Amino acid sequence: MERWEMSPSVVPTRDDLVARLRVRFADVPAENVRRCVDDLWCCCTHLGVRPEERTIERLAASRLTGVVRGGRPPYPGGRPAPVPPGSPATAERPAGARTPIGT
């Protein structure tokens, strides 16, 4: 293990980073923010790159922005819109039929 991986200053730095990101991304659950930071920290150490706070924060912010933007918009009235009869969404697929993406 590298000396900087065992440094006692790493944990407070990581906690401060998580706290700052939790404020910026209040819509994302706190555990997901912590997991994102931990994952990036581990990826850096696995690749042999020193995990610098600014780099980790920038990468985590990018990932979390994608999480926020990728969320489904809420349905109006709390329920999905009805699908008109005869539309492709209501057509039955024969058993074992495959879609273009293989599912």
C-alpha atoms as a PDB file:
ATOM      1  CA  MET A   1       0.000   0.000   0.000  1.00  0.00           C
ATOM      2  CA  GLU A   2       1.209   3.461  -0.823  1.00  0.00           C
ATOM      3  CA  ARG A   3       1.899   5.877   1.997  1.00  0.00           C
ATOM      4  CA  TRP A   4      -0.869   8.255   0.850  1.00  0.00           C
ATOM      5  CA  GLU A   5      -3.446   5.427   0.922  1.00  0.00           C
ATOM      6  CA  MET A   6      -2.888   4.916   4.655  1.00  0.00           C
ATOM      7  CA  SER A   7      -2.747   8.588   5.565  1.00  0.00           C
ATOM      8  CA  PRO A   8      -5.094   9.519   8.434  1.00  0.00           C
ATOM      9  CA  SER A   9      -5.923  12.764   6.588  1.00  0.00           C
ATOM     10  CA  VAL A  10      -7.638  10.814   3.790  1.00  0.00           C
ATOM     11  CA  VAL A  11     -10.807   9.984   5.756  1.00  0.00           C
ATOM     12  CA  PRO A  12     -11.621  13.558   6.887  1.00  0.00           C
ATOM     13  CA  THR A  13     -10.936  14.791   3.348  1.00  0.00           C
ATOM     14  CA  ARG A  14     -13.321  12.195   1.930  1.00  0.00           C
ATOM     15  CA  ASP A  15     -15.986  13.057   4.518  1.00  0.00           C
ATOM     16  CA  ASP A  16     -15.681  16.780   3.712  1.00  0.00           C
ATOM     17  CA  LEU A  17     -15.975  16.000   0.020  1.00  0.00           C
ATOM     18  CA  VAL A  18     -19.102  13.889   0.562  1.00  0.00           C
ATOM     19  CA  ALA A  19     -20.641  16.653   2.689  1.00  0.00           C
ATOM     20  CA  ARG A  20     -20.043  19.265  -0.034  1.00  0.00           C
ATOM     21  CA  LEU A  21     -21.492  17.023  -2.736  1.00  0.00           C
ATOM     22  CA  ARG A  22     -24.532  16.186  -0.606  1.00  0.00           C
ATOM     23  CA  VAL A  23     -25.320  19.906  -0.427  1.00  0.00           C
ATOM     24  CA  ARG A  24     -24.962  20.292  -4.218  1.00  0.00           C
ATOM     25  CA  PHE A  25     -26.959  17.145  -4.999  1.00  0.00           C
ATOM     26  CA  ALA A  26     -29.705  17.190  -2.392  1.00  0.00           C
ATOM     27  CA  ASP A  27     -31.995  15.136  -4.681  1.00  0.00           C
ATOM     28  CA  VAL A  28     -29.595  12.174  -4.625  1.00  0.00           C
ATOM     29  CA  PRO A  29     -29.708   9.946  -1.511  1.00  0.00           C
ATOM     30  CA  ALA A  30     -26.755  10.526   0.829  1.00  0.00           C
ATOM     31  CA  GLU A  31     -25.653   6.881   0.610  1.00  0.00           C
ATOM     32  CA  ASN A  32     -25.442   7.114  -3.195  1.00  0.00           C
ATOM     33  CA  VAL A  33     -23.236  10.222  -2.946  1.00  0.00           C
ATOM     34  CA  ARG A  34     -20.918   8.462  -0.490  1.00  0.00           C
ATOM     35  CA  ARG A  35     -20.799   5.349  -2.679  1.00  0.00           C
ATOM     36  CA  CYS A  36     -19.955   7.457  -5.736  1.00  0.00           C
ATOM     37  CA  VAL A  37     -17.045   9.151  -3.947  1.00  0.00           C
ATOM     38  CA  ASP A  38     -15.795   5.854  -2.510  1.00  0.00           C
ATOM     39  CA  ASP A  39     -15.985   4.194  -5.913  1.00  0.00           C
ATOM     40  CA  LEU A  40     -13.982   6.946  -7.589  1.00  0.00           C
ATOM     41  CA  TRP A  41     -11.454   6.924  -4.750  1.00  0.00           C
ATOM     42  CA  CYS A  42     -10.980   3.158  -5.152  1.00  0.00           C
ATOM     43  CA  CYS A  43     -10.744   3.431  -8.944  1.00  0.00           C
ATOM     44  CA  CYS A  44      -7.949   5.977  -8.635  1.00  0.00           C
ATOM     45  CA  THR A  45      -5.977   3.879  -6.165  1.00  0.00           C
ATOM     46  CA  HIS A  46      -6.527   0.749  -8.274  1.00  0.00           C
ATOM     47  CA  LEU A  47      -5.094   2.535 -11.307  1.00  0.00           C
ATOM     48  CA  GLY A  48      -2.156   3.831  -9.286  1.00  0.00           C
ATOM     49  CA  VAL A  49      -3.305   7.442  -9.494  1.00  0.00           C
ATOM     50  CA  ARG A  50      -3.196   9.514  -6.351  1.00  0.00           C
ATOM     51  CA  PRO A  51      -6.818  10.398  -5.486  1.00  0.00           C
ATOM     52  CA  GLU A  52      -6.756  14.181  -5.282  1.00  0.00           C
ATOM     53  CA  GLU A  53      -9.756  15.867  -3.731  1.00  0.00           C
ATOM     54  CA  ARG A  54     -10.359  18.286  -6.631  1.00  0.00           C
ATOM     55  CA  THR A  55     -10.231  15.513  -9.218  1.00  0.00           C
ATOM     56  CA  ILE A  56     -12.535  13.214  -7.255  1.00  0.00           C
ATOM     57  CA  GLU A  57     -14.983  16.067  -6.649  1.00  0.00           C
ATOM     58  CA  ARG A  58     -15.088  16.990 -10.343  1.00  0.00           C
ATOM     59  CA  LEU A  59     -15.616  13.379 -11.442  1.00  0.00           C
ATOM     60  CA  ALA A  60     -18.230  12.705  -8.770  1.00  0.00           C
ATOM     61  CA  ALA A  61     -20.101  15.898  -9.676  1.00  0.00           C
ATOM     62  CA  SER A  62     -20.143  14.783 -13.304  1.00  0.00           C
ATOM     63  CA  ARG A  63     -21.506  11.338 -12.398  1.00  0.00           C
ATOM     64  CA  LEU A  64     -24.097  12.726 -10.010  1.00  0.00           C
ATOM     65  CA  THR A  65     -25.241  15.296 -12.571  1.00  0.00           C
ATOM     66  CA  GLY A  66     -25.906  12.385 -14.916  1.00  0.00           C
ATOM     67  CA  VAL A  67     -27.881  10.632 -12.194  1.00  0.00           C
ATOM     68  CA  VAL A  68     -30.022  13.723 -11.603  1.00  0.00           C
ATOM     69  CA  ARG A  69     -30.592  14.421 -15.307  1.00  0.00           C
ATOM     70  CA  GLY A  70     -31.216  10.773 -16.117  1.00  0.00           C
ATOM     71  CA  GLY A  71     -34.036  10.411 -13.604  1.00  0.00           C
ATOM     72  CA  ARG A  72     -37.481   9.844 -15.016  1.00  0.00           C
ATOM     73  CA  PRO A  73     -39.798  12.807 -14.793  1.00  0.00           C
ATOM     74  CA  PRO A  74     -42.738  12.221 -12.481  1.00  0.00           C
ATOM     75  CA  TYR A  75     -46.023  11.276 -14.083  1.00  0.00           C
ATOM     76  CA  PRO A  76     -48.660  14.010 -13.957  1.00  0.00           C
ATOM     77  CA  GLY A  77     -51.207  12.995 -11.367  1.00  0.00           C
ATOM     78  CA  GLY A  78     -48.890  10.257 -10.071  1.00  0.00           C
ATOM     79  CA  ARG A  79     -49.869   7.663 -12.721  1.00  0.00           C
ATOM     80  CA  PRO A  80     -48.583   6.886 -16.203  1.00  0.00           C
ATOM     81  CA  ALA A  81     -50.615   8.096 -19.171  1.00  0.00           C
ATOM     82  CA  PRO A  82     -52.921   5.438 -20.651  1.00  0.00           C
ATOM     83  CA  VAL A  83     -51.680   3.703 -23.796  1.00  0.00           C
ATOM     84  CA  PRO A  84     -54.125   3.928 -26.723  1.00  0.00           C
ATOM     85  CA  PRO A  85     -55.498   0.582 -27.966  1.00  0.00           C
ATOM     86  CA  GLY A  86     -53.736  -0.831 -31.004  1.00  0.00           C
ATOM     87  CA  SER A  87     -50.466   0.967 -30.317  1.00  0.00           C
ATOM     88  CA  PRO A  88     -47.241  -1.059 -30.526  1.00  0.00           C
ATOM     89  CA  ALA A  89     -46.903  -0.872 -26.738  1.00  0.00           C
ATOM     90  CA  THR A  90     -50.074  -2.943 -26.284  1.00  0.00           C
ATOM     91  CA  ALA A  91     -49.347  -5.536 -28.996  1.00  0.00           C
ATOM     92  CA  GLU A  92     -48.661  -9.004 -27.662  1.00  0.00           C
ATOM     93  CA  ARG A  93     -45.316 -10.563 -28.533  1.00  0.00           C
ATOM     94  CA  PRO A  94     -45.264 -14.247 -29.319  1.00  0.00           C
ATOM     95  CA  ALA A  95     -43.478 -16.390 -26.737  1.00  0.00           C
ATOM     96  CA  GLY A  96     -39.741 -16.382 -27.368  1.00  0.00           C
ATOM     97  CA  ALA A  97     -39.862 -13.354 -29.692  1.00  0.00           C
ATOM     98  CA  ARG A  98     -36.762 -11.196 -29.500  1.00  0.00           C
ATOM     99  CA  THR A  99     -36.463  -7.447 -29.812  1.00  0.00           C
ATOM    100  CA  PRO A 100     -33.715  -5.748 -31.846  1.00  0.00           C
ATOM    101  CA  ILE A 101     -31.584  -5.479 -28.709  1.00  0.00           C
ATOM    102  CA  GLY A 102     -31.966  -9.134 -27.854  1.00  0.00           C
ATOM    103  CA  THR A 103     -34.337  -9.183 -24.889  1.00  0.00           C
END
